[in-house]
C-alpha atoms as a PDB file:
ATOM      1  CA  UNK A   1     -10.444   8.145 -28.793  1.00  0.00           C
ATOM      2  CA  UNK A   2      -8.954   4.705 -28.050  1.00  0.00           C
ATOM      3  CA  UNK A   3     -10.505   1.941 -25.986  1.00  0.00           C
ATOM      4  CA  UNK A   4      -8.420   2.709 -22.886  1.00  0.00           C
ATOM      5  CA  UNK A   5      -9.558   6.354 -22.919  1.00  0.00           C
ATOM      6  CA  UNK A   6     -13.158   5.276 -23.250  1.00  0.00           C
ATOM      7  CA  UNK A   7     -12.809   2.973 -20.265  1.00  0.00           C
ATOM      8  CA  UNK A   8     -11.139   5.658 -18.168  1.00  0.00           C
ATOM      9  CA  UNK A   9     -13.893   8.148 -18.957  1.00  0.00           C
ATOM     10  CA  UNK A  10     -16.485   5.863 -17.379  1.00  0.00           C
ATOM     11  CA  UNK A  11     -14.823   6.309 -13.977  1.00  0.00           C
ATOM     12  CA  UNK A  12     -16.501   8.797 -11.690  1.00  0.00           C
ATOM     13  CA  UNK A  13     -15.673   9.743  -8.096  1.00  0.00           C
ATOM     14  CA  UNK A  14     -17.713   8.770  -5.076  1.00  0.00           C
ATOM     15  CA  UNK A  15     -17.238   8.648  -1.331  1.00  0.00           C
ATOM     16  CA  UNK A  16     -16.602  11.308   1.288  1.00  0.00           C
ATOM     17  CA  UNK A  17     -15.496  14.794   0.312  1.00  0.00           C
ATOM     18  CA  UNK A  18     -12.180  16.120   1.635  1.00  0.00           C
ATOM     19  CA  UNK A  19     -10.995  12.588   2.268  1.00  0.00           C
ATOM     20  CA  UNK A  20      -7.315  11.642   2.065  1.00  0.00           C
ATOM     21  CA  UNK A  21      -8.438   8.543   0.171  1.00  0.00           C
ATOM     22  CA  UNK A  22      -9.960   9.366  -3.214  1.00  0.00           C
ATOM     23  CA  UNK A  23     -12.311   6.798  -4.725  1.00  0.00           C
ATOM     24  CA  UNK A  24     -13.570   6.348  -8.270  1.00  0.00           C
ATOM     25  CA  UNK A  25     -15.785   3.616  -9.692  1.00  0.00           C
ATOM     26  CA  UNK A  26     -16.004   2.207 -13.204  1.00  0.00           C
ATOM     27  CA  UNK A  27     -19.406   0.502 -13.584  1.00  0.00           C
ATOM     28  CA  UNK A  28     -18.426  -0.987 -16.953  1.00  0.00           C
ATOM     29  CA  UNK A  29     -15.810  -3.292 -15.423  1.00  0.00           C
ATOM     30  CA  UNK A  30     -16.981  -3.101 -11.811  1.00  0.00           C
ATOM     31  CA  UNK A  31     -13.643  -1.627 -10.757  1.00  0.00           C
ATOM     32  CA  UNK A  32     -13.031   0.462  -7.636  1.00  0.00           C
ATOM     33  CA  UNK A  33     -10.052   2.796  -8.019  1.00  0.00           C
ATOM     34  CA  UNK A  34      -8.720   3.970  -4.650  1.00  0.00           C
ATOM     35  CA  UNK A  35      -5.925   6.552  -4.467  1.00  0.00           C
ATOM     36  CA  UNK A  36      -3.926   7.560  -1.409  1.00  0.00           C
ATOM     37  CA  UNK A  37      -3.896  11.355  -1.317  1.00  0.00           C
ATOM     38  CA  UNK A  38      -2.390  12.174   2.078  1.00  0.00           C
ATOM     39  CA  UNK A  39      -1.874  15.657   3.397  1.00  0.00           C
ATOM     40  CA  UNK A  40       1.802  16.320   4.000  1.00  0.00           C
ATOM     41  CA  UNK A  41       4.233  13.400   4.066  1.00  0.00           C
ATOM     42  CA  UNK A  42       2.913  10.499   1.932  1.00  0.00           C
ATOM     43  CA  UNK A  43       2.849   7.998   4.779  1.00  0.00           C
ATOM     44  CA  UNK A  44       0.105   6.171   6.639  1.00  0.00           C
ATOM     45  CA  UNK A  45      -0.989   8.875   9.039  1.00  0.00           C
ATOM     46  CA  UNK A  46      -3.869   8.227  11.409  1.00  0.00           C
ATOM     47  CA  UNK A  47      -6.039  10.413   9.171  1.00  0.00           C
ATOM     48  CA  UNK A  48      -5.279   8.451   6.009  1.00  0.00           C
ATOM     49  CA  UNK A  49      -5.757   5.122   7.783  1.00  0.00           C
ATOM     50  CA  UNK A  50      -9.118   6.280   9.140  1.00  0.00           C
ATOM     51  CA  UNK A  51     -10.302   7.507   5.729  1.00  0.00           C
ATOM     52  CA  UNK A  52      -9.377   4.198   4.071  1.00  0.00           C
ATOM     53  CA  UNK A  53     -11.165   2.246   6.805  1.00  0.00           C
ATOM     54  CA  UNK A  54     -14.285   4.418   6.470  1.00  0.00           C
ATOM     55  CA  UNK A  55     -14.609   3.455   2.809  1.00  0.00           C
ATOM     56  CA  UNK A  56     -13.611  -0.184   3.165  1.00  0.00           C
ATOM     57  CA  UNK A  57     -15.879  -0.904   6.113  1.00  0.00           C
ATOM     58  CA  UNK A  58     -18.828   0.262   4.012  1.00  0.00           C
ATOM     59  CA  UNK A  59     -17.680  -1.998   1.166  1.00  0.00           C
ATOM     60  CA  UNK A  60     -17.606  -4.936   3.592  1.00  0.00           C
ATOM     61  CA  UNK A  61     -21.029  -4.073   5.027  1.00  0.00           C
ATOM     62  CA  UNK A  62     -22.438  -3.974   1.487  1.00  0.00           C
ATOM     63  CA  UNK A  63     -20.911  -7.406   0.757  1.00  0.00           C
ATOM     64  CA  UNK A  64     -18.622  -6.175  -2.010  1.00  0.00           C
ATOM     65  CA  UNK A  65     -21.094  -3.739  -3.529  1.00  0.00           C
ATOM     66  CA  UNK A  66     -20.567  -0.027  -4.112  1.00  0.00           C
ATOM     67  CA  UNK A  67     -23.190   2.659  -3.668  1.00  0.00           C
ATOM     68  CA  UNK A  68     -22.676   4.727  -6.794  1.00  0.00           C
ATOM     69  CA  UNK A  69     -25.012   7.253  -8.400  1.00  0.00           C
ATOM     70  CA  UNK A  70     -27.906   6.194  -6.214  1.00  0.00           C
ATOM     71  CA  UNK A  71     -27.724   2.414  -6.502  1.00  0.00           C
ATOM     72  CA  UNK A  72     -25.594  -0.543  -5.516  1.00  0.00           C
ATOM     73  CA  UNK A  73     -23.137  -1.970  -8.059  1.00  0.00           C
ATOM     74  CA  UNK A  74     -21.236  -5.214  -7.654  1.00  0.00           C
ATOM     75  CA  UNK A  75     -17.481  -4.624  -7.513  1.00  0.00           C
ATOM     76  CA  UNK A  76     -15.266  -7.140  -9.309  1.00  0.00           C
ATOM     77  CA  UNK A  77     -11.882  -5.441  -8.921  1.00  0.00           C
ATOM     78  CA  UNK A  78     -10.360  -3.062  -6.384  1.00  0.00           C
ATOM     79  CA  UNK A  79      -7.231  -1.183  -7.498  1.00  0.00           C
ATOM     80  CA  UNK A  80      -5.175   0.683  -4.859  1.00  0.00           C
ATOM     81  CA  UNK A  81      -2.886   3.439  -6.139  1.00  0.00           C
ATOM     82  CA  UNK A  82      -1.519   6.839  -5.165  1.00  0.00           C
ATOM     83  CA  UNK A  83      -1.962  10.462  -6.199  1.00  0.00           C
ATOM     84  CA  UNK A  84       1.517  11.445  -4.965  1.00  0.00           C
ATOM     85  CA  UNK A  85       4.008  11.688  -7.836  1.00  0.00           C
ATOM     86  CA  UNK A  86       6.780   9.072  -7.619  1.00  0.00           C
ATOM     87  CA  UNK A  87       5.476   7.736  -4.298  1.00  0.00           C
ATOM     88  CA  UNK A  88       3.073   4.888  -3.603  1.00  0.00           C
ATOM     89  CA  UNK A  89       3.467   5.202   0.157  1.00  0.00           C
ATOM     90  CA  UNK A  90       6.482   5.658   2.438  1.00  0.00           C
ATOM     91  CA  UNK A  91       4.990   3.528   5.205  1.00  0.00           C
ATOM     92  CA  UNK A  92       4.461   4.203   8.877  1.00  0.00           C
ATOM     93  CA  UNK A  93       4.165   7.671  10.406  1.00  0.00           C
ATOM     94  CA  UNK A  94       7.716   7.892  11.730  1.00  0.00           C
ATOM     95  CA  UNK A  95       7.231  11.333  13.279  1.00  0.00           C
ATOM     96  CA  UNK A  96       4.378   9.934  15.338  1.00  0.00           C
ATOM     97  CA  UNK A  97       6.444   6.880  16.268  1.00  0.00           C
ATOM     98  CA  UNK A  98       9.270   9.033  17.620  1.00  0.00           C
ATOM     99  CA  UNK A  99       6.826  11.043  19.722  1.00  0.00           C
ATOM    100  CA  UNK A 100       5.069   7.994  21.160  1.00  0.00           C
ATOM    101  CA  UNK A 101       8.267   6.060  21.844  1.00  0.00           C
ATOM    102  CA  UNK A 102       9.827   9.000  23.654  1.00  0.00           C
ATOM    103  CA  UNK A 103       6.690   9.382  25.787  1.00  0.00           C
ATOM    104  CA  UNK A 104       6.559   5.583  26.410  1.00  0.00           C
ATOM    105  CA  UNK A 105       2.954   5.504  25.216  1.00  0.00           C
ATOM    106  CA  UNK A 106       2.455   1.808  24.540  1.00  0.00           C
ATOM    107  CA  UNK A 107      -1.306   2.146  24.314  1.00  0.00           C
ATOM    108  CA  UNK A 108      -1.120   4.694  21.481  1.00  0.00           C
ATOM    109  CA  UNK A 109       1.475   2.648  19.577  1.00  0.00           C
ATOM    110  CA  UNK A 110      -0.734  -0.425  19.898  1.00  0.00           C
ATOM    111  CA  UNK A 111      -3.731   1.612  18.696  1.00  0.00           C
ATOM    112  CA  UNK A 112      -1.811   2.682  15.581  1.00  0.00           C
ATOM    113  CA  UNK A 113      -0.728  -0.896  14.884  1.00  0.00           C
ATOM    114  CA  UNK A 114      -4.288  -2.160  15.322  1.00  0.00           C
ATOM    115  CA  UNK A 115      -5.634   0.441  12.891  1.00  0.00           C
ATOM    116  CA  UNK A 116      -3.063  -0.711  10.331  1.00  0.00           C
ATOM    117  CA  UNK A 117      -4.201  -4.323  10.710  1.00  0.00           C
ATOM    118  CA  UNK A 118      -7.843  -3.220  10.617  1.00  0.00           C
ATOM    119  CA  UNK A 119      -7.028  -1.986   7.109  1.00  0.00           C
ATOM    120  CA  UNK A 120      -4.685  -4.773   6.011  1.00  0.00           C
ATOM    121  CA  UNK A 121      -6.595  -7.857   7.064  1.00  0.00           C
ATOM    122  CA  UNK A 122      -9.846  -7.167   5.161  1.00  0.00           C
ATOM    123  CA  UNK A 123      -7.822  -6.545   1.997  1.00  0.00           C
ATOM    124  CA  UNK A 124      -5.900  -9.782   2.488  1.00  0.00           C
ATOM    125  CA  UNK A 125      -9.311 -11.493   2.731  1.00  0.00           C
ATOM    126  CA  UNK A 126     -10.720  -9.637  -0.303  1.00  0.00           C
ATOM    127  CA  UNK A 127     -13.056  -7.721   2.003  1.00  0.00           C
ATOM    128  CA  UNK A 128     -14.742 -11.046   2.777  1.00  0.00           C
ATOM    129  CA  UNK A 129     -16.111 -11.138  -0.775  1.00  0.00           C
ATOM    130  CA  UNK A 130     -14.598 -14.058  -2.731  1.00  0.00           C
ATOM    131  CA  UNK A 131     -15.594 -12.579  -6.108  1.00  0.00           C
ATOM    132  CA  UNK A 132     -13.549  -9.393  -5.578  1.00  0.00           C
ATOM    133  CA  UNK A 133      -9.984  -9.289  -6.940  1.00  0.00           C
ATOM    134  CA  UNK A 134      -7.559  -6.804  -5.368  1.00  0.00           C
ATOM    135  CA  UNK A 135      -4.805  -5.098  -7.351  1.00  0.00           C
ATOM    136  CA  UNK A 136      -1.957  -2.880  -6.109  1.00  0.00           C
ATOM    137  CA  UNK A 137      -0.905  -0.219  -8.621  1.00  0.00           C
ATOM    138  CA  UNK A 138       2.596   0.914  -7.612  1.00  0.00           C
ATOM    139  CA  UNK A 139       3.775   3.978  -9.550  1.00  0.00           C
ATOM    140  CA  UNK A 140       6.489   5.130  -7.184  1.00  0.00           C
ATOM    141  CA  UNK A 141       8.348   4.182  -4.033  1.00  0.00           C
ATOM    142  CA  UNK A 142       6.572   1.663  -1.798  1.00  0.00           C
ATOM    143  CA  UNK A 143       8.546   1.438   1.422  1.00  0.00           C
ATOM    144  CA  UNK A 144       7.809  -0.222   4.748  1.00  0.00           C
ATOM    145  CA  UNK A 145       4.055  -0.163   5.227  1.00  0.00           C
ATOM    146  CA  UNK A 146       3.647   0.911   1.596  1.00  0.00           C
ATOM    147  CA  UNK A 147       5.282  -2.327   0.469  1.00  0.00           C
ATOM    148  CA  UNK A 148       3.225  -4.279   3.008  1.00  0.00           C
ATOM    149  CA  UNK A 149       0.042  -2.764   1.578  1.00  0.00           C
ATOM    150  CA  UNK A 150       1.013  -3.774  -1.946  1.00  0.00           C
ATOM    151  CA  UNK A 151       1.724  -7.302  -0.714  1.00  0.00           C
ATOM    152  CA  UNK A 152      -1.804  -7.545   0.711  1.00  0.00           C
ATOM    153  CA  UNK A 153      -3.278  -7.536  -2.814  1.00  0.00           C
ATOM    154  CA  UNK A 154      -3.920 -10.509  -5.088  1.00  0.00           C
ATOM    155  CA  UNK A 155      -1.976  -8.874  -7.938  1.00  0.00           C
ATOM    156  CA  UNK A 156       0.876  -6.344  -7.824  1.00  0.00           C
ATOM    157  CA  UNK A 157       1.375  -4.127 -10.884  1.00  0.00           C
ATOM    158  CA  UNK A 158       4.419  -1.850 -10.648  1.00  0.00           C
ATOM    159  CA  UNK A 159       5.991   0.659 -13.005  1.00  0.00           C
ATOM    160  CA  UNK A 160       9.628   0.076 -13.935  1.00  0.00           C
ATOM    161  CA  UNK A 161      10.979   3.080 -12.005  1.00  0.00           C
ATOM    162  CA  UNK A 162       9.227   2.076  -8.767  1.00  0.00           C
ATOM    163  CA  UNK A 163      11.348   0.973  -5.823  1.00  0.00           C
ATOM    164  CA  UNK A 164      10.035  -1.280  -3.082  1.00  0.00           C
ATOM    165  CA  UNK A 165      11.583  -2.363   0.176  1.00  0.00           C
ATOM    166  CA  UNK A 166      11.545  -2.674   3.942  1.00  0.00           C
ATOM    167  CA  UNK A 167      14.123  -0.280   5.431  1.00  0.00           C
ATOM    168  CA  UNK A 168      13.000  -0.530   9.071  1.00  0.00           C
ATOM    169  CA  UNK A 169      16.064  -2.501  10.173  1.00  0.00           C
ATOM    170  CA  UNK A 170      18.177   0.597   9.445  1.00  0.00           C
ATOM    171  CA  UNK A 171      16.677   2.219  12.528  1.00  0.00           C
ATOM    172  CA  UNK A 172      16.755  -1.077  14.455  1.00  0.00           C
ATOM    173  CA  UNK A 173      13.109  -2.079  13.971  1.00  0.00           C
ATOM    174  CA  UNK A 174      11.238  -4.425  11.649  1.00  0.00           C
ATOM    175  CA  UNK A 175       8.111  -4.114   9.486  1.00  0.00           C
ATOM    176  CA  UNK A 176       5.403  -5.361  11.835  1.00  0.00           C
ATOM    177  CA  UNK A 177       2.159  -4.858   9.939  1.00  0.00           C
ATOM    178  CA  UNK A 178       2.125  -7.907   7.689  1.00  0.00           C
ATOM    179  CA  UNK A 179       5.434  -7.987   5.814  1.00  0.00           C
ATOM    180  CA  UNK A 180       6.738 -11.212   7.368  1.00  0.00           C
ATOM    181  CA  UNK A 181       3.443 -13.056   6.883  1.00  0.00           C
ATOM    182  CA  UNK A 182       2.833 -11.886   3.321  1.00  0.00           C
ATOM    183  CA  UNK A 183       6.375 -11.896   1.964  1.00  0.00           C
ATOM    184  CA  UNK A 184       7.186 -15.349   3.358  1.00  0.00           C
ATOM    185  CA  UNK A 185       4.168 -16.723   1.508  1.00  0.00           C
ATOM    186  CA  UNK A 186       5.467 -15.301  -1.768  1.00  0.00           C
ATOM    187  CA  UNK A 187       9.202 -15.954  -1.352  1.00  0.00           C
ATOM    188  CA  UNK A 188       9.561 -18.518   1.412  1.00  0.00           C
ATOM    189  CA  UNK A 189      10.572 -17.790   4.998  1.00  0.00           C
ATOM    190  CA  UNK A 190      14.358 -17.662   4.508  1.00  0.00           C
ATOM    191  CA  UNK A 191      14.235 -15.303   1.522  1.00  0.00           C
ATOM    192  CA  UNK A 192      11.667 -13.102   3.282  1.00  0.00           C
ATOM    193  CA  UNK A 193      13.877 -12.831   6.378  1.00  0.00           C
ATOM    194  CA  UNK A 194      16.929 -12.041   4.250  1.00  0.00           C
ATOM    195  CA  UNK A 195      15.085  -9.179   2.555  1.00  0.00           C
ATOM    196  CA  UNK A 196      13.647  -7.827   5.818  1.00  0.00           C
ATOM    197  CA  UNK A 197      16.992  -7.971   7.639  1.00  0.00           C
ATOM    198  CA  UNK A 198      18.930  -6.440   4.744  1.00  0.00           C
ATOM    199  CA  UNK A 199      16.868  -3.244   4.603  1.00  0.00           C
ATOM    200  CA  UNK A 200      17.428  -3.258   0.843  1.00  0.00           C
ATOM    201  CA  UNK A 201      15.317  -1.187  -1.533  1.00  0.00           C
ATOM    202  CA  UNK A 202      14.818  -3.162  -4.764  1.00  0.00           C
ATOM    203  CA  UNK A 203      13.620  -2.122  -8.190  1.00  0.00           C
ATOM    204  CA  UNK A 204      10.254  -3.280  -9.457  1.00  0.00           C
ATOM    205  CA  UNK A 205      12.108  -5.128 -12.225  1.00  0.00           C
ATOM    206  CA  UNK A 206      14.182  -7.097  -9.689  1.00  0.00           C
ATOM    207  CA  UNK A 207      11.106  -7.974  -7.640  1.00  0.00           C
ATOM    208  CA  UNK A 208       9.367  -9.034 -10.837  1.00  0.00           C
ATOM    209  CA  UNK A 209      12.246 -11.448 -11.468  1.00  0.00           C
ATOM    210  CA  UNK A 210      11.846 -12.747  -7.912  1.00  0.00           C
ATOM    211  CA  UNK A 211       8.111 -13.310  -8.400  1.00  0.00           C
ATOM    212  CA  UNK A 212       6.949 -10.637  -5.945  1.00  0.00           C
ATOM    213  CA  UNK A 213       5.716  -8.152  -8.553  1.00  0.00           C
ATOM    214  CA  UNK A 214       3.245  -9.849 -10.898  1.00  0.00           C
ATOM    215  CA  UNK A 215       3.112  -7.344 -13.769  1.00  0.00           C
ATOM    216  CA  UNK A 216       5.811  -4.864 -14.787  1.00  0.00           C
ATOM    217  CA  UNK A 217       4.513  -1.715 -16.494  1.00  0.00           C
ATOM    218  CA  UNK A 218       6.296   0.979 -18.463  1.00  0.00           C
ATOM    219  CA  UNK A 219       6.708   4.265 -16.622  1.00  0.00           C
ATOM    220  CA  UNK A 220       3.593   6.397 -16.924  1.00  0.00           C
ATOM    221  CA  UNK A 221       1.523   3.443 -18.120  1.00  0.00           C
ATOM    222  CA  UNK A 222       0.581   1.886 -14.804  1.00  0.00           C
ATOM    223  CA  UNK A 223      -3.124   2.733 -14.974  1.00  0.00           C
ATOM    224  CA  UNK A 224      -3.491   1.690 -18.599  1.00  0.00           C
ATOM    225  CA  UNK A 225      -1.639  -1.545 -17.784  1.00  0.00           C
ATOM    226  CA  UNK A 226      -4.058  -2.220 -14.917  1.00  0.00           C
ATOM    227  CA  UNK A 227      -7.018  -1.478 -17.207  1.00  0.00           C
ATOM    228  CA  UNK A 228      -5.603  -3.799 -19.841  1.00  0.00           C
ATOM    229  CA  UNK A 229      -5.002  -6.566 -17.264  1.00  0.00           C
ATOM    230  CA  UNK A 230      -8.632  -6.274 -16.144  1.00  0.00           C
ATOM    231  CA  UNK A 231      -9.955  -6.233 -19.724  1.00  0.00           C
ATOM    232  CA  UNK A 232      -7.773  -9.147 -20.795  1.00  0.00           C
ATOM    233  CA  UNK A 233      -8.699 -11.353 -17.852  1.00  0.00           C
ATOM    234  CA  UNK A 234     -12.402 -10.591 -17.533  1.00  0.00           C
ATOM    235  CA  UNK A 235     -13.384 -13.670 -19.530  1.00  0.00           C
ATOM    236  CA  UNK A 236     -11.333 -15.800 -17.127  1.00  0.00           C
ATOM    237  CA  UNK A 237     -12.296 -13.884 -14.003  1.00  0.00           C
ATOM    238  CA  UNK A 238     -14.061 -16.819 -12.352  1.00  0.00           C
ATOM    239  CA  UNK A 239     -10.998 -19.020 -12.773  1.00  0.00           C
ATOM    240  CA  UNK A 240      -8.618 -16.339 -11.535  1.00  0.00           C
ATOM    241  CA  UNK A 241     -10.712 -15.641  -8.456  1.00  0.00           C
ATOM    242  CA  UNK A 242     -10.955 -19.348  -7.686  1.00  0.00           C
ATOM    243  CA  UNK A 243      -7.150 -19.622  -7.823  1.00  0.00           C
ATOM    244  CA  UNK A 244      -6.775 -16.633  -5.498  1.00  0.00           C
ATOM    245  CA  UNK A 245      -9.245 -18.251  -3.083  1.00  0.00           C
ATOM    246  CA  UNK A 246      -7.301 -21.508  -3.238  1.00  0.00           C
ATOM    247  CA  UNK A 247      -4.122 -19.555  -2.467  1.00  0.00           C
ATOM    248  CA  UNK A 248      -5.763 -18.237   0.681  1.00  0.00           C
ATOM    249  CA  UNK A 249      -6.703 -21.729   1.805  1.00  0.00           C
ATOM    250  CA  UNK A 250      -3.204 -23.091   1.188  1.00  0.00           C
ATOM    251  CA  UNK A 251      -1.409 -20.075   2.682  1.00  0.00           C
ATOM    252  CA  UNK A 252      -4.000 -18.580   4.988  1.00  0.00           C
ATOM    253  CA  UNK A 253      -3.106 -15.390   6.871  1.00  0.00           C
ATOM    254  CA  UNK A 254      -5.211 -15.175  10.005  1.00  0.00           C
ATOM    255  CA  UNK A 255      -6.027 -12.035  11.957  1.00  0.00           C
ATOM    256  CA  UNK A 256      -4.606 -13.566  15.137  1.00  0.00           C
ATOM    257  CA  UNK A 257      -1.219 -14.040  13.443  1.00  0.00           C
ATOM    258  CA  UNK A 258      -1.094 -10.394  12.392  1.00  0.00           C
ATOM    259  CA  UNK A 259      -2.152  -9.197  15.856  1.00  0.00           C
ATOM    260  CA  UNK A 260       0.533 -11.263  17.590  1.00  0.00           C
ATOM    261  CA  UNK A 261       3.210  -9.851  15.287  1.00  0.00           C
ATOM    262  CA  UNK A 262       2.088  -6.277  15.926  1.00  0.00           C
ATOM    263  CA  UNK A 263       2.472  -6.982  19.657  1.00  0.00           C
ATOM    264  CA  UNK A 264       6.085  -7.948  18.941  1.00  0.00           C
ATOM    265  CA  UNK A 265       6.474  -4.738  16.900  1.00  0.00           C
ATOM    266  CA  UNK A 266       5.158  -2.544  19.734  1.00  0.00           C
ATOM    267  CA  UNK A 267       7.480  -4.195  22.260  1.00  0.00           C
ATOM    268  CA  UNK A 268      10.453  -3.807  19.897  1.00  0.00           C
ATOM    269  CA  UNK A 269       9.619  -0.157  19.206  1.00  0.00           C
ATOM    270  CA  UNK A 270       9.668   0.654  22.908  1.00  0.00           C
ATOM    271  CA  UNK A 271      13.184  -0.835  23.173  1.00  0.00           C
ATOM    272  CA  UNK A 272      14.657   1.590  20.626  1.00  0.00           C
ATOM    273  CA  UNK A 273      17.509   3.739  21.891  1.00  0.00           C
ATOM    274  CA  UNK A 274      18.265   7.422  21.313  1.00  0.00           C
ATOM    275  CA  UNK A 275      20.547   6.673  18.360  1.00  0.00           C
ATOM    276  CA  UNK A 276      17.739   4.726  16.689  1.00  0.00           C
ATOM    277  CA  UNK A 277      15.260   7.540  17.240  1.00  0.00           C
ATOM    278  CA  UNK A 278      17.779  10.043  15.844  1.00  0.00           C
ATOM    279  CA  UNK A 279      18.046   7.965  12.675  1.00  0.00           C
ATOM    280  CA  UNK A 280      14.263   7.825  12.478  1.00  0.00           C
ATOM    281  CA  UNK A 281      14.151  11.596  12.883  1.00  0.00           C
ATOM    282  CA  UNK A 282      16.649  12.087  10.058  1.00  0.00           C
ATOM    283  CA  UNK A 283      14.477   9.970   7.783  1.00  0.00           C
ATOM    284  CA  UNK A 284      11.438  12.056   8.744  1.00  0.00           C
ATOM    285  CA  UNK A 285      13.297  15.236   7.759  1.00  0.00           C
ATOM    286  CA  UNK A 286      14.373  13.629   4.485  1.00  0.00           C
ATOM    287  CA  UNK A 287      10.752  12.732   3.752  1.00  0.00           C
ATOM    288  CA  UNK A 288       9.650  16.286   4.501  1.00  0.00           C
ATOM    289  CA  UNK A 289      12.277  17.775   2.174  1.00  0.00           C
ATOM    290  CA  UNK A 290      11.216  15.384  -0.551  1.00  0.00           C
ATOM    291  CA  UNK A 291       7.545  16.296  -0.100  1.00  0.00           C
ATOM    292  CA  UNK A 292       8.321  20.017  -0.113  1.00  0.00           C
ATOM    293  CA  UNK A 293      10.362  19.610  -3.295  1.00  0.00           C
ATOM    294  CA  UNK A 294       7.561  17.768  -5.044  1.00  0.00           C
ATOM    295  CA  UNK A 295       4.991  20.372  -4.009  1.00  0.00           C
ATOM    296  CA  UNK A 296       7.220  23.142  -5.322  1.00  0.00           C
ATOM    297  CA  UNK A 297       7.753  21.265  -8.587  1.00  0.00           C
ATOM    298  CA  UNK A 298       4.022  20.698  -8.994  1.00  0.00           C
ATOM    299  CA  UNK A 299       3.339  24.398  -8.392  1.00  0.00           C
ATOM    300  CA  UNK A 300       5.878  25.286 -11.061  1.00  0.00           C
ATOM    301  CA  UNK A 301       4.492  22.586 -13.380  1.00  0.00           C
ATOM    302  CA  UNK A 302       7.968  21.152 -13.850  1.00  0.00           C
ATOM    303  CA  UNK A 303       9.354  17.699 -12.988  1.00  0.00           C
ATOM    304  CA  UNK A 304      11.202  17.248  -9.718  1.00  0.00           C
ATOM    305  CA  UNK A 305      14.884  17.707 -10.575  1.00  0.00           C
ATOM    306  CA  UNK A 306      16.200  15.753  -7.625  1.00  0.00           C
ATOM    307  CA  UNK A 307      14.593  12.431  -6.762  1.00  0.00           C
ATOM    308  CA  UNK A 308      15.854  12.344  -3.193  1.00  0.00           C
ATOM    309  CA  UNK A 309      15.796   8.904  -1.654  1.00  0.00           C
ATOM    310  CA  UNK A 310      14.038   8.232   1.605  1.00  0.00           C
ATOM    311  CA  UNK A 311      17.209   7.055   3.276  1.00  0.00           C
ATOM    312  CA  UNK A 312      19.997   9.477   4.096  1.00  0.00           C
ATOM    313  CA  UNK A 313      23.394   8.633   2.717  1.00  0.00           C
ATOM    314  CA  UNK A 314      24.867   7.761   6.088  1.00  0.00           C
ATOM    315  CA  UNK A 315      22.204   5.129   6.768  1.00  0.00           C
END
């Protein structure tokens, strides 16, 4: 048994049963491992957002400590990954968006946007615990809100086959839950706008070259790479955390900024036309076919033969 296996075996689950957000804790390194495990399409449904917030609000209330096996443990790292093969997260719940836009329900759209920011902002601020380092573990496609979520972490680790991007402009919208704020602080405003307005989906390797992805991992080795990064940097953890805190002071992202941008997003969403909603609907159907294919492949214990992209060819 090698060292990485020994570390992994120390992880045990905790948290609510039947949650769409599965949590494990490694007391040896003080690492929280959170995994999106949504029912149906791997997007940020209201249920998944609520389950994440239920865990994270408790973490905040406990000042960065985890109740595990009957006692509180200090958390030093918080890794966010996914249980869905080849998908980190496909972003916003487009089926819900279509429904709410057609019914002109601004209040419900604003509620969804607020719940997204309720999840994003604490992670951007390290759950208000300066000694907690956040890590995004991207082992598949991170699109729209999935990419935004990865950007909210101190460190992004992505496997080589992962693709990340912000395709919202293809249905005449923009990513309104943190992308502009977070990406502009990593790339600069002009480069961030170019990426947002292009709708391009980029490889993890390309984003690593651009300085967006911090660590590039071999396919299938994302978790072991994250474990190795934690092990390697534990002796310098105080220095790393101090640098991440300094980054927040120099490039602070405030809650008010995020809220104002979501207001712009809600207004823009309600201006979408029928052709835009039809495109959104086509993407929803593409996501559903992809999910069904992956479920069938998992049931047959064989790899998915067709890695269908989120975006339809005519987009």
